[in-house]
């Protein structure tokens, strides 16, 4: 993650408006091999979770390559599934509509995205999936920031899970980020900032 600059340290303003000492951006993965490995990580997590589904859906725009690469890995390992995604703008010509890819009616769908902060993109795609007659099974993101919703007692993942009435899973959490860098002296100052941030805004999972 660090080599690909997926994980950056500094001062960042999140979609929620909160200031964070780190930023997680899967959009920084810009090579075919990197995207292939990304899809493999999502596919492996889905296999371990054991959900039964027909379609992987990704919200525009960052969720689209995640959905495509995950479905490719699943097909290569004998579990072919469909792919779908939404446009940010409705198309009135050609095939039209907002959803692209495999029709979702009567199909079980898993939504994949990079990280949940406010969850706006996932909530919008979930609405479209259900309006199209699909059955939402779960949501999978790469990173659980483990942050509480502003002024609340639930994390963003817990809140979105409650709103959608489906499990929201992750490949890794902020605790995993801390474990990854804690023995590297060059991250000593950053670890202090992360610890302060966790204490103020996050649920710490031992």
N, C-alpha and C. Protein backbone atom coordinates (compact mmCIF):
# COMPACT_ATOMS: atom_id res chain seq x y z
N UNK A 1 0.83 -1.21 0.00
CA UNK A 1 0.00 0.00 0.00
C UNK A 1 0.86 1.26 0.00
N UNK A 2 1.94 1.21 0.79
CA UNK A 2 2.80 2.39 0.88
C UNK A 2 3.57 2.59 -0.42
N UNK A 3 4.07 1.50 -1.01
CA UNK A 3 4.84 1.60 -2.25
C UNK A 3 3.99 2.15 -3.38
N UNK A 4 2.72 1.78 -3.42
CA UNK A 4 1.81 2.23 -4.47
C UNK A 4 1.19 3.58 -4.15
N UNK A 5 1.52 4.14 -2.98
CA UNK A 5 0.95 5.40 -2.50
C UNK A 5 -0.57 5.32 -2.34
N UNK A 6 -1.05 4.10 -2.08
CA UNK A 6 -2.46 3.92 -1.74
C UNK A 6 -2.73 4.52 -0.37
N UNK A 7 -1.74 4.39 0.52
CA UNK A 7 -1.85 4.92 1.87
C UNK A 7 -0.86 6.07 2.02
N UNK A 8 -1.39 7.27 2.27
CA UNK A 8 -0.56 8.45 2.43
C UNK A 8 -0.77 9.04 3.81
N UNK A 9 0.31 9.64 4.34
CA UNK A 9 0.23 10.28 5.65
C UNK A 9 0.45 11.78 5.49
N UNK A 10 -0.26 12.55 6.29
CA UNK A 10 -0.21 14.01 6.22
C UNK A 10 -1.45 14.57 6.90
N UNK A 11 -2.00 15.62 6.34
CA UNK A 11 -3.26 16.18 6.84
C UNK A 11 -4.25 16.24 5.68
N UNK A 12 -5.35 15.52 5.82
CA UNK A 12 -6.33 15.40 4.74
C UNK A 12 -7.73 15.70 5.28
N UNK A 13 -8.55 16.31 4.43
CA UNK A 13 -9.95 16.54 4.78
C UNK A 13 -10.79 15.48 4.08
N UNK A 14 -11.53 14.69 4.85
CA UNK A 14 -12.35 13.61 4.31
C UNK A 14 -13.68 14.14 3.80
N UNK A 15 -14.43 13.28 3.08
CA UNK A 15 -15.75 13.66 2.60
C UNK A 15 -16.66 14.07 3.75
N UNK A 16 -16.44 13.47 4.91
CA UNK A 16 -17.25 13.78 6.08
C UNK A 16 -16.93 15.15 6.65
N UNK A 17 -15.83 15.77 6.18
CA UNK A 17 -15.40 17.05 6.71
C UNK A 17 -14.37 16.92 7.82
N UNK A 18 -14.14 15.72 8.30
CA UNK A 18 -13.19 15.48 9.38
C UNK A 18 -11.76 15.54 8.84
N UNK A 19 -10.85 16.08 9.65
CA UNK A 19 -9.43 16.11 9.30
C UNK A 19 -8.77 14.81 9.76
N UNK A 20 -8.00 14.21 8.85
CA UNK A 20 -7.40 12.90 9.12
C UNK A 20 -5.90 12.93 8.87
N UNK A 21 -5.11 12.20 9.70
CA UNK A 21 -3.66 12.15 9.47
C UNK A 21 -3.25 11.14 8.40
N UNK A 22 -4.22 10.48 7.79
CA UNK A 22 -3.89 9.55 6.71
C UNK A 22 -5.01 9.53 5.68
N UNK A 23 -4.66 9.09 4.48
CA UNK A 23 -5.63 9.03 3.39
C UNK A 23 -5.44 7.72 2.65
N UNK A 24 -6.54 7.02 2.40
CA UNK A 24 -6.51 5.73 1.71
C UNK A 24 -7.15 5.91 0.35
N UNK A 25 -6.38 5.65 -0.72
CA UNK A 25 -6.86 5.92 -2.07
C UNK A 25 -6.47 4.81 -3.03
N UNK A 26 -7.40 3.88 -3.29
CA UNK A 26 -7.11 2.80 -4.23
C UNK A 26 -6.97 3.31 -5.65
N UNK A 27 -7.42 4.54 -5.91
CA UNK A 27 -7.25 5.12 -7.23
C UNK A 27 -5.79 5.32 -7.60
N UNK A 28 -4.90 5.23 -6.61
CA UNK A 28 -3.47 5.36 -6.88
C UNK A 28 -2.89 4.13 -7.56
N UNK A 29 -3.62 3.02 -7.55
CA UNK A 29 -3.17 1.81 -8.25
C UNK A 29 -3.40 2.02 -9.74
N UNK A 30 -2.32 2.14 -10.50
CA UNK A 30 -2.45 2.55 -11.90
C UNK A 30 -1.77 1.61 -12.88
N UNK A 31 -1.56 0.35 -12.47
CA UNK A 31 -0.96 -0.63 -13.38
C UNK A 31 -1.85 -1.85 -13.48
N UNK A 32 -1.73 -2.56 -14.59
CA UNK A 32 -2.52 -3.77 -14.77
C UNK A 32 -2.24 -4.79 -13.69
N UNK A 33 -0.96 -4.96 -13.32
CA UNK A 33 -0.63 -5.94 -12.29
C UNK A 33 -1.18 -5.52 -10.94
N UNK A 34 -1.13 -4.23 -10.65
CA UNK A 34 -1.67 -3.75 -9.38
C UNK A 34 -3.16 -3.98 -9.28
N UNK A 35 -3.88 -3.71 -10.37
CA UNK A 35 -5.33 -3.92 -10.38
C UNK A 35 -5.65 -5.41 -10.30
N UNK A 36 -4.83 -6.24 -10.95
CA UNK A 36 -5.02 -7.69 -10.87
C UNK A 36 -4.90 -8.17 -9.43
N UNK A 37 -3.87 -7.70 -8.73
CA UNK A 37 -3.67 -8.12 -7.34
C UNK A 37 -4.77 -7.57 -6.44
N UNK A 38 -5.25 -6.39 -6.76
CA UNK A 38 -6.37 -5.82 -6.00
C UNK A 38 -7.60 -6.71 -6.12
N UNK A 39 -7.93 -7.11 -7.35
CA UNK A 39 -9.07 -7.99 -7.55
C UNK A 39 -8.91 -9.31 -6.83
N UNK A 40 -7.69 -9.83 -6.81
CA UNK A 40 -7.43 -11.09 -6.12
C UNK A 40 -7.69 -10.97 -4.62
N UNK A 41 -7.33 -9.82 -4.05
CA UNK A 41 -7.54 -9.61 -2.61
C UNK A 41 -9.03 -9.57 -2.28
N UNK A 42 -9.80 -8.87 -3.10
CA UNK A 42 -11.26 -8.82 -2.89
C UNK A 42 -11.88 -10.20 -3.07
N UNK A 43 -11.47 -10.90 -4.13
CA UNK A 43 -12.04 -12.21 -4.42
C UNK A 43 -11.73 -13.20 -3.30
N UNK A 44 -10.50 -13.16 -2.81
CA UNK A 44 -10.12 -14.07 -1.73
C UNK A 44 -10.94 -13.79 -0.46
N UNK A 45 -11.14 -12.52 -0.16
CA UNK A 45 -11.95 -12.18 1.02
C UNK A 45 -13.38 -12.65 0.84
N UNK A 46 -13.94 -12.49 -0.34
CA UNK A 46 -15.30 -12.95 -0.59
C UNK A 46 -15.41 -14.46 -0.48
N UNK A 47 -14.41 -15.17 -0.97
CA UNK A 47 -14.43 -16.63 -0.85
C UNK A 47 -14.40 -17.05 0.62
N UNK A 48 -13.60 -16.36 1.41
CA UNK A 48 -13.50 -16.69 2.83
C UNK A 48 -14.79 -16.37 3.58
N UNK A 49 -15.45 -15.29 3.18
CA UNK A 49 -16.70 -14.91 3.83
C UNK A 49 -17.83 -15.87 3.49
N UNK A 50 -17.77 -16.46 2.29
CA UNK A 50 -18.72 -17.51 1.93
C UNK A 50 -20.08 -17.05 1.44
N UNK A 51 -20.21 -15.79 1.06
CA UNK A 51 -21.50 -15.32 0.55
C UNK A 51 -21.79 -15.94 -0.82
N UNK A 52 -23.06 -16.23 -1.05
CA UNK A 52 -23.51 -16.74 -2.34
C UNK A 52 -24.12 -15.57 -3.10
N UNK A 53 -23.60 -15.29 -4.30
CA UNK A 53 -24.09 -14.14 -5.06
C UNK A 53 -23.87 -14.36 -6.55
N UNK A 54 -24.57 -13.55 -7.34
CA UNK A 54 -24.52 -13.68 -8.80
C UNK A 54 -23.78 -12.55 -9.49
N UNK A 55 -23.75 -11.38 -8.84
CA UNK A 55 -23.21 -10.17 -9.48
C UNK A 55 -22.36 -9.39 -8.47
N UNK A 56 -21.24 -8.86 -8.96
CA UNK A 56 -20.45 -7.90 -8.20
C UNK A 56 -20.70 -6.53 -8.80
N UNK A 57 -21.10 -5.57 -7.97
CA UNK A 57 -21.41 -4.23 -8.45
C UNK A 57 -20.47 -3.22 -7.80
N UNK A 58 -20.00 -2.27 -8.60
CA UNK A 58 -19.11 -1.23 -8.09
C UNK A 58 -19.66 0.15 -8.36
N UNK A 59 -19.64 1.04 -7.38
CA UNK A 59 -20.12 2.40 -7.60
C UNK A 59 -19.13 3.22 -8.43
N UNK A 60 -19.66 4.08 -9.29
CA UNK A 60 -18.80 4.97 -10.07
C UNK A 60 -18.09 5.94 -9.11
N UNK A 61 -16.82 6.17 -9.33
CA UNK A 61 -16.01 5.61 -10.41
C UNK A 61 -15.01 4.58 -9.87
N UNK A 62 -14.54 4.78 -8.67
CA UNK A 62 -13.46 3.92 -8.14
C UNK A 62 -13.89 2.48 -7.95
N UNK A 63 -15.17 2.25 -7.76
CA UNK A 63 -15.65 0.89 -7.55
C UNK A 63 -15.69 0.05 -8.82
N UNK A 64 -15.63 0.71 -9.98
CA UNK A 64 -15.76 -0.03 -11.24
C UNK A 64 -14.58 -0.97 -11.49
N UNK A 65 -13.32 -0.49 -11.45
CA UNK A 65 -12.21 -1.43 -11.66
C UNK A 65 -12.12 -2.49 -10.57
N UNK A 66 -12.59 -2.17 -9.36
CA UNK A 66 -12.60 -3.17 -8.29
C UNK A 66 -13.55 -4.30 -8.66
N UNK A 67 -14.76 -3.94 -9.10
CA UNK A 67 -15.75 -4.96 -9.47
C UNK A 67 -15.25 -5.81 -10.64
N UNK A 68 -14.69 -5.17 -11.65
CA UNK A 68 -14.22 -5.90 -12.83
C UNK A 68 -13.07 -6.84 -12.48
N UNK A 69 -12.07 -6.34 -11.77
CA UNK A 69 -10.91 -7.18 -11.44
C UNK A 69 -11.27 -8.31 -10.49
N UNK A 70 -12.21 -8.06 -9.59
CA UNK A 70 -12.66 -9.12 -8.67
C UNK A 70 -13.38 -10.22 -9.43
N UNK A 71 -14.23 -9.83 -10.37
CA UNK A 71 -14.97 -10.84 -11.14
C UNK A 71 -14.03 -11.66 -12.02
N UNK A 72 -12.98 -11.04 -12.54
CA UNK A 72 -12.00 -11.77 -13.36
C UNK A 72 -11.30 -12.83 -12.52
N UNK A 73 -10.91 -12.46 -11.30
CA UNK A 73 -10.25 -13.43 -10.43
C UNK A 73 -11.19 -14.57 -10.06
N UNK A 74 -12.44 -14.24 -9.79
CA UNK A 74 -13.40 -15.28 -9.42
C UNK A 74 -13.65 -16.23 -10.58
N UNK A 75 -13.72 -15.69 -11.79
CA UNK A 75 -13.91 -16.55 -12.97
C UNK A 75 -12.71 -17.48 -13.16
N UNK A 76 -11.51 -16.94 -12.91
CA UNK A 76 -10.30 -17.74 -13.09
C UNK A 76 -10.19 -18.87 -12.08
N UNK A 77 -10.90 -18.73 -10.96
CA UNK A 77 -10.85 -19.77 -9.93
C UNK A 77 -12.14 -20.59 -9.89
N UNK A 78 -12.91 -20.53 -10.99
CA UNK A 78 -14.07 -21.40 -11.12
C UNK A 78 -15.35 -20.90 -10.49
N UNK A 79 -15.43 -19.59 -10.23
CA UNK A 79 -16.65 -19.02 -9.65
C UNK A 79 -17.09 -17.80 -10.46
N UNK A 80 -17.54 -18.01 -11.70
CA UNK A 80 -17.91 -16.87 -12.55
C UNK A 80 -19.13 -16.12 -12.02
N UNK A 81 -19.03 -14.80 -12.02
CA UNK A 81 -20.14 -13.94 -11.61
C UNK A 81 -20.24 -12.78 -12.59
N UNK A 82 -21.39 -12.12 -12.59
CA UNK A 82 -21.59 -10.97 -13.44
C UNK A 82 -21.02 -9.70 -12.83
N UNK A 83 -20.97 -8.66 -13.65
CA UNK A 83 -20.46 -7.35 -13.22
C UNK A 83 -21.48 -6.28 -13.56
N UNK A 84 -21.64 -5.32 -12.66
CA UNK A 84 -22.50 -4.17 -12.93
C UNK A 84 -21.92 -2.95 -12.24
N UNK A 85 -22.30 -1.79 -12.74
CA UNK A 85 -21.90 -0.54 -12.09
C UNK A 85 -22.89 0.54 -12.47
N UNK A 86 -22.83 1.65 -11.78
CA UNK A 86 -23.73 2.75 -12.08
C UNK A 86 -22.98 3.92 -12.72
N UNK A 87 -23.69 4.65 -13.53
CA UNK A 87 -23.18 5.92 -14.04
C UNK A 87 -23.51 7.02 -13.03
N UNK A 88 -22.72 8.08 -13.05
CA UNK A 88 -23.07 9.22 -12.20
C UNK A 88 -24.11 10.10 -12.87
N UNK A 89 -24.21 9.98 -14.21
CA UNK A 89 -25.23 10.74 -14.94
C UNK A 89 -26.07 9.76 -15.76
N UNK A 90 -27.36 9.93 -15.72
CA UNK A 90 -28.25 9.08 -16.51
C UNK A 90 -28.00 9.29 -18.00
N UNK A 91 -27.94 8.19 -18.76
CA UNK A 91 -27.74 8.26 -20.20
C UNK A 91 -29.08 8.07 -20.89
N UNK A 92 -29.44 9.01 -21.75
CA UNK A 92 -30.75 8.96 -22.40
C UNK A 92 -30.71 8.31 -23.78
N UNK A 93 -29.50 8.14 -24.36
CA UNK A 93 -29.40 7.52 -25.68
C UNK A 93 -28.74 6.15 -25.56
N UNK A 94 -28.67 5.42 -26.68
CA UNK A 94 -28.09 4.09 -26.64
C UNK A 94 -28.89 3.18 -25.71
N UNK A 95 -28.16 2.46 -24.84
CA UNK A 95 -28.87 1.56 -23.91
C UNK A 95 -29.57 2.32 -22.80
N UNK A 96 -29.17 3.59 -22.59
CA UNK A 96 -29.86 4.44 -21.62
C UNK A 96 -29.69 3.97 -20.18
N UNK A 97 -30.31 4.73 -19.28
CA UNK A 97 -30.35 4.34 -17.88
C UNK A 97 -29.11 4.71 -17.09
N UNK A 98 -29.10 4.26 -15.84
CA UNK A 98 -28.02 4.56 -14.90
C UNK A 98 -27.14 3.35 -14.65
N UNK A 99 -27.73 2.16 -14.67
CA UNK A 99 -26.98 0.93 -14.41
C UNK A 99 -26.43 0.33 -15.71
N UNK A 100 -25.21 -0.17 -15.63
CA UNK A 100 -24.55 -0.80 -16.77
C UNK A 100 -24.10 -2.20 -16.35
N UNK A 101 -24.19 -3.15 -17.29
CA UNK A 101 -23.70 -4.49 -16.99
C UNK A 101 -24.82 -5.51 -16.88
N UNK A 102 -24.57 -6.58 -16.13
CA UNK A 102 -25.54 -7.66 -16.00
C UNK A 102 -26.84 -7.15 -15.38
N UNK A 103 -28.00 -7.49 -15.96
CA UNK A 103 -29.28 -7.13 -15.34
C UNK A 103 -29.37 -7.70 -13.93
N UNK A 104 -29.93 -6.93 -13.01
CA UNK A 104 -29.90 -7.31 -11.60
C UNK A 104 -31.17 -7.95 -11.09
N UNK A 105 -32.25 -7.90 -11.86
CA UNK A 105 -33.53 -8.45 -11.38
C UNK A 105 -33.39 -9.91 -10.97
N UNK A 106 -33.84 -10.20 -9.76
CA UNK A 106 -33.84 -11.57 -9.21
C UNK A 106 -32.44 -12.13 -9.00
N UNK A 107 -31.43 -11.26 -8.99
CA UNK A 107 -30.06 -11.74 -8.77
C UNK A 107 -29.51 -11.23 -7.43
N UNK A 108 -28.63 -12.03 -6.85
CA UNK A 108 -27.99 -11.67 -5.58
C UNK A 108 -26.73 -10.85 -5.88
N UNK A 109 -26.60 -9.73 -5.18
CA UNK A 109 -25.56 -8.75 -5.52
C UNK A 109 -24.68 -8.44 -4.31
N UNK A 110 -23.37 -8.36 -4.55
CA UNK A 110 -22.42 -7.83 -3.57
C UNK A 110 -21.86 -6.54 -4.13
N UNK A 111 -21.86 -5.49 -3.34
CA UNK A 111 -21.27 -4.21 -3.73
C UNK A 111 -19.84 -4.14 -3.19
N UNK A 112 -18.90 -3.70 -4.04
CA UNK A 112 -17.51 -3.51 -3.61
C UNK A 112 -17.12 -2.05 -3.80
N UNK A 113 -16.33 -1.54 -2.85
CA UNK A 113 -15.83 -0.17 -2.94
C UNK A 113 -14.50 -0.10 -2.20
N UNK A 114 -13.84 1.07 -2.26
CA UNK A 114 -12.52 1.17 -1.64
C UNK A 114 -12.60 1.36 -0.12
N UNK A 115 -13.31 2.38 0.33
CA UNK A 115 -13.37 2.69 1.75
C UNK A 115 -14.67 3.42 2.02
N UNK A 116 -15.20 3.25 3.21
CA UNK A 116 -16.42 3.97 3.59
C UNK A 116 -16.06 5.09 4.54
N UNK A 117 -16.43 6.31 4.18
CA UNK A 117 -16.30 7.44 5.10
C UNK A 117 -17.70 7.94 5.41
N UNK A 118 -18.37 8.48 4.39
CA UNK A 118 -19.77 8.86 4.55
C UNK A 118 -20.70 7.80 3.97
N UNK A 119 -20.18 7.01 3.02
CA UNK A 119 -20.98 5.92 2.44
C UNK A 119 -21.96 6.35 1.37
N UNK A 120 -21.84 7.58 0.88
CA UNK A 120 -22.81 8.12 -0.07
C UNK A 120 -22.89 7.28 -1.35
N UNK A 121 -21.73 6.93 -1.93
CA UNK A 121 -21.72 6.19 -3.19
C UNK A 121 -22.32 4.80 -3.03
N UNK A 122 -22.00 4.14 -1.93
CA UNK A 122 -22.53 2.79 -1.68
C UNK A 122 -24.03 2.83 -1.46
N UNK A 123 -24.50 3.80 -0.70
CA UNK A 123 -25.94 3.91 -0.45
C UNK A 123 -26.71 4.16 -1.74
N UNK A 124 -26.15 5.00 -2.62
CA UNK A 124 -26.81 5.29 -3.89
C UNK A 124 -26.88 4.04 -4.77
N UNK A 125 -25.77 3.30 -4.86
CA UNK A 125 -25.78 2.09 -5.68
C UNK A 125 -26.70 1.04 -5.08
N UNK A 126 -26.73 0.92 -3.77
CA UNK A 126 -27.64 -0.04 -3.12
C UNK A 126 -29.09 0.28 -3.46
N UNK A 127 -29.42 1.56 -3.48
CA UNK A 127 -30.78 1.96 -3.85
C UNK A 127 -31.09 1.53 -5.28
N UNK A 128 -30.14 1.76 -6.19
CA UNK A 128 -30.34 1.40 -7.59
C UNK A 128 -30.46 -0.11 -7.77
N UNK A 129 -29.65 -0.86 -7.03
CA UNK A 129 -29.71 -2.33 -7.09
C UNK A 129 -31.10 -2.81 -6.71
N UNK A 130 -31.62 -2.28 -5.64
CA UNK A 130 -32.93 -2.73 -5.17
C UNK A 130 -34.05 -2.25 -6.08
N UNK A 131 -33.92 -1.04 -6.61
CA UNK A 131 -34.93 -0.56 -7.56
C UNK A 131 -34.96 -1.42 -8.82
N UNK A 132 -33.81 -1.99 -9.18
CA UNK A 132 -33.72 -2.84 -10.38
C UNK A 132 -34.16 -4.27 -10.10
N UNK A 133 -34.57 -4.55 -8.87
CA UNK A 133 -35.04 -5.89 -8.54
C UNK A 133 -33.98 -6.83 -8.03
N UNK A 134 -32.77 -6.29 -7.77
CA UNK A 134 -31.70 -7.12 -7.24
C UNK A 134 -31.82 -7.31 -5.74
N UNK A 135 -31.19 -8.37 -5.24
CA UNK A 135 -31.18 -8.66 -3.81
C UNK A 135 -29.78 -8.40 -3.28
N UNK A 136 -29.63 -7.35 -2.49
CA UNK A 136 -28.31 -7.00 -1.95
C UNK A 136 -27.93 -7.96 -0.83
N UNK A 137 -26.78 -8.61 -0.99
CA UNK A 137 -26.32 -9.62 -0.03
C UNK A 137 -25.35 -9.03 0.99
N UNK A 138 -24.41 -8.22 0.51
CA UNK A 138 -23.38 -7.67 1.39
C UNK A 138 -22.64 -6.55 0.68
N UNK A 139 -21.85 -5.82 1.45
CA UNK A 139 -20.94 -4.80 0.93
C UNK A 139 -19.54 -5.15 1.42
N UNK A 140 -18.55 -5.04 0.53
CA UNK A 140 -17.16 -5.29 0.91
C UNK A 140 -16.29 -4.10 0.52
N UNK A 141 -15.55 -3.57 1.49
CA UNK A 141 -14.61 -2.48 1.22
C UNK A 141 -13.20 -2.94 1.57
N UNK A 142 -12.21 -2.24 1.04
CA UNK A 142 -10.82 -2.62 1.33
C UNK A 142 -10.45 -2.26 2.76
N UNK A 143 -10.82 -1.05 3.19
CA UNK A 143 -10.37 -0.57 4.50
C UNK A 143 -11.54 -0.10 5.36
N UNK A 144 -11.58 -0.62 6.57
CA UNK A 144 -12.48 -0.11 7.60
C UNK A 144 -11.70 0.92 8.41
N UNK A 145 -12.07 2.18 8.29
CA UNK A 145 -11.38 3.23 9.04
C UNK A 145 -11.70 3.16 10.53
N UNK A 146 -12.73 2.36 10.88
CA UNK A 146 -13.12 2.16 12.28
C UNK A 146 -13.54 3.46 12.96
N UNK A 147 -14.00 4.43 12.17
CA UNK A 147 -14.35 5.74 12.71
C UNK A 147 -15.82 5.81 13.10
N UNK A 148 -16.06 6.49 14.20
CA UNK A 148 -17.44 6.77 14.58
C UNK A 148 -18.01 7.85 13.67
N UNK A 149 -19.29 7.70 13.34
CA UNK A 149 -20.01 8.78 12.66
C UNK A 149 -20.00 10.00 13.58
N UNK A 150 -19.83 11.17 13.02
CA UNK A 150 -19.76 12.40 13.81
C UNK A 150 -20.93 12.50 14.78
N UNK A 151 -20.62 12.58 16.07
CA UNK A 151 -21.65 12.72 17.08
C UNK A 151 -22.38 11.44 17.43
N UNK A 152 -21.93 10.30 16.87
CA UNK A 152 -22.64 9.04 17.09
C UNK A 152 -21.82 8.04 17.88
N UNK A 153 -22.41 6.89 18.12
CA UNK A 153 -21.75 5.82 18.87
C UNK A 153 -21.48 4.60 17.99
N UNK A 154 -21.83 4.69 16.70
CA UNK A 154 -21.56 3.61 15.76
C UNK A 154 -20.51 4.04 14.75
N UNK A 155 -19.75 3.06 14.26
CA UNK A 155 -18.79 3.37 13.20
C UNK A 155 -19.54 3.54 11.88
N UNK A 156 -18.82 4.06 10.88
CA UNK A 156 -19.43 4.24 9.57
C UNK A 156 -19.92 2.91 9.01
N UNK A 157 -19.10 1.84 9.16
CA UNK A 157 -19.52 0.54 8.64
C UNK A 157 -20.77 0.04 9.34
N UNK A 158 -20.83 0.21 10.66
CA UNK A 158 -22.00 -0.22 11.41
C UNK A 158 -23.24 0.56 11.00
N UNK A 159 -23.06 1.86 10.78
CA UNK A 159 -24.19 2.71 10.39
C UNK A 159 -24.73 2.32 9.03
N UNK A 160 -23.83 2.15 8.05
CA UNK A 160 -24.26 1.77 6.70
C UNK A 160 -24.88 0.38 6.72
N UNK A 161 -24.31 -0.53 7.49
CA UNK A 161 -24.88 -1.88 7.61
C UNK A 161 -26.30 -1.81 8.15
N UNK A 162 -26.52 -0.96 9.14
CA UNK A 162 -27.86 -0.80 9.70
C UNK A 162 -28.83 -0.20 8.71
N UNK A 163 -28.37 0.80 7.95
CA UNK A 163 -29.25 1.44 6.97
C UNK A 163 -29.64 0.49 5.85
N UNK A 164 -28.71 -0.37 5.45
CA UNK A 164 -28.96 -1.29 4.33
C UNK A 164 -29.49 -2.65 4.78
N UNK A 165 -29.37 -2.94 6.06
CA UNK A 165 -29.79 -4.24 6.62
C UNK A 165 -29.04 -5.41 5.98
N UNK A 166 -27.76 -5.18 5.67
CA UNK A 166 -26.88 -6.25 5.17
C UNK A 166 -25.52 -6.10 5.85
N UNK A 167 -24.72 -7.17 5.88
CA UNK A 167 -23.37 -7.05 6.44
C UNK A 167 -22.50 -6.13 5.59
N UNK A 168 -21.68 -5.31 6.24
CA UNK A 168 -20.66 -4.52 5.56
C UNK A 168 -19.30 -5.02 6.08
N UNK A 169 -18.53 -5.61 5.19
CA UNK A 169 -17.28 -6.27 5.56
C UNK A 169 -16.08 -5.47 5.03
N UNK A 170 -14.90 -5.80 5.55
CA UNK A 170 -13.69 -5.15 5.06
C UNK A 170 -12.57 -6.18 4.92
N UNK A 171 -11.59 -5.84 4.09
CA UNK A 171 -10.40 -6.67 3.96
C UNK A 171 -9.43 -6.39 5.11
N UNK A 172 -9.31 -5.12 5.48
CA UNK A 172 -8.41 -4.72 6.56
C UNK A 172 -9.02 -3.55 7.31
N UNK A 173 -8.45 -3.26 8.48
CA UNK A 173 -8.91 -2.13 9.28
C UNK A 173 -7.76 -1.23 9.65
N UNK A 174 -8.08 -0.11 10.29
CA UNK A 174 -7.04 0.83 10.71
C UNK A 174 -6.03 0.15 11.64
N UNK A 175 -6.49 -0.77 12.47
CA UNK A 175 -5.57 -1.51 13.35
C UNK A 175 -4.50 -2.23 12.55
N UNK A 176 -4.89 -2.77 11.37
CA UNK A 176 -3.93 -3.47 10.52
C UNK A 176 -2.89 -2.50 9.97
N UNK A 177 -3.33 -1.28 9.65
CA UNK A 177 -2.40 -0.25 9.18
C UNK A 177 -1.36 0.04 10.26
N UNK A 178 -1.83 0.20 11.49
CA UNK A 178 -0.93 0.49 12.61
C UNK A 178 0.07 -0.65 12.81
N UNK A 179 -0.42 -1.89 12.76
CA UNK A 179 0.48 -3.04 12.93
C UNK A 179 1.53 -3.11 11.82
N UNK A 180 1.14 -2.68 10.62
CA UNK A 180 2.03 -2.75 9.46
C UNK A 180 3.23 -1.81 9.60
N UNK A 181 3.04 -0.68 10.26
CA UNK A 181 4.10 0.34 10.31
C UNK A 181 4.73 0.52 11.69
N UNK A 182 4.22 -0.16 12.71
CA UNK A 182 4.63 0.17 14.08
C UNK A 182 6.09 -0.14 14.38
N UNK A 183 6.70 -1.06 13.64
CA UNK A 183 8.10 -1.42 13.91
C UNK A 183 9.10 -0.67 13.03
N UNK A 184 8.59 0.27 12.23
CA UNK A 184 9.46 1.05 11.35
C UNK A 184 9.71 2.41 12.01
N UNK A 185 10.97 2.71 12.38
CA UNK A 185 11.27 3.96 13.10
C UNK A 185 10.83 5.23 12.36
N UNK A 186 10.80 5.19 11.04
CA UNK A 186 10.46 6.41 10.30
C UNK A 186 9.00 6.81 10.46
N UNK A 187 8.17 5.87 10.99
CA UNK A 187 6.76 6.18 11.19
C UNK A 187 6.43 6.51 12.65
N UNK A 188 7.47 6.75 13.47
CA UNK A 188 7.24 6.98 14.90
C UNK A 188 6.29 8.16 15.14
N UNK A 189 6.56 9.28 14.48
CA UNK A 189 5.72 10.47 14.67
C UNK A 189 4.31 10.23 14.13
N UNK A 190 4.22 9.55 13.00
CA UNK A 190 2.91 9.25 12.41
C UNK A 190 2.10 8.34 13.33
N UNK A 191 2.76 7.37 13.96
CA UNK A 191 2.07 6.47 14.88
C UNK A 191 1.46 7.24 16.05
N UNK A 192 2.17 8.25 16.52
CA UNK A 192 1.62 9.09 17.60
C UNK A 192 0.37 9.81 17.12
N UNK A 193 0.42 10.36 15.91
CA UNK A 193 -0.74 11.05 15.35
C UNK A 193 -1.91 10.08 15.15
N UNK A 194 -1.61 8.88 14.66
CA UNK A 194 -2.66 7.88 14.46
C UNK A 194 -3.28 7.46 15.78
N UNK A 195 -2.44 7.31 16.81
CA UNK A 195 -2.96 6.93 18.13
C UNK A 195 -3.90 8.01 18.67
N UNK A 196 -3.52 9.27 18.51
CA UNK A 196 -4.38 10.37 18.95
C UNK A 196 -5.68 10.40 18.17
N UNK A 197 -5.58 10.13 16.87
CA UNK A 197 -6.77 10.12 16.02
C UNK A 197 -7.70 8.97 16.40
N UNK A 198 -7.12 7.80 16.64
CA UNK A 198 -7.92 6.65 17.06
C UNK A 198 -8.64 6.95 18.37
N UNK A 199 -7.91 7.53 19.31
CA UNK A 199 -8.50 7.83 20.62
C UNK A 199 -9.67 8.80 20.49
N UNK A 200 -9.55 9.76 19.57
CA UNK A 200 -10.58 10.79 19.42
C UNK A 200 -11.76 10.35 18.57
N UNK A 201 -11.52 9.51 17.55
CA UNK A 201 -12.56 9.29 16.54
C UNK A 201 -12.89 7.83 16.23
N UNK A 202 -12.13 6.88 16.75
CA UNK A 202 -12.25 5.50 16.25
C UNK A 202 -12.56 4.49 17.35
N UNK A 203 -13.12 3.39 16.91
CA UNK A 203 -13.26 2.22 17.78
C UNK A 203 -12.00 1.38 17.61
N UNK A 204 -11.27 1.22 18.68
CA UNK A 204 -10.03 0.45 18.64
C UNK A 204 -10.36 -1.01 18.90
N UNK A 205 -10.02 -1.86 17.95
CA UNK A 205 -10.28 -3.30 18.06
C UNK A 205 -8.96 -4.00 18.32
N UNK A 206 -8.85 -4.62 19.48
CA UNK A 206 -7.60 -5.30 19.85
C UNK A 206 -7.47 -6.63 19.09
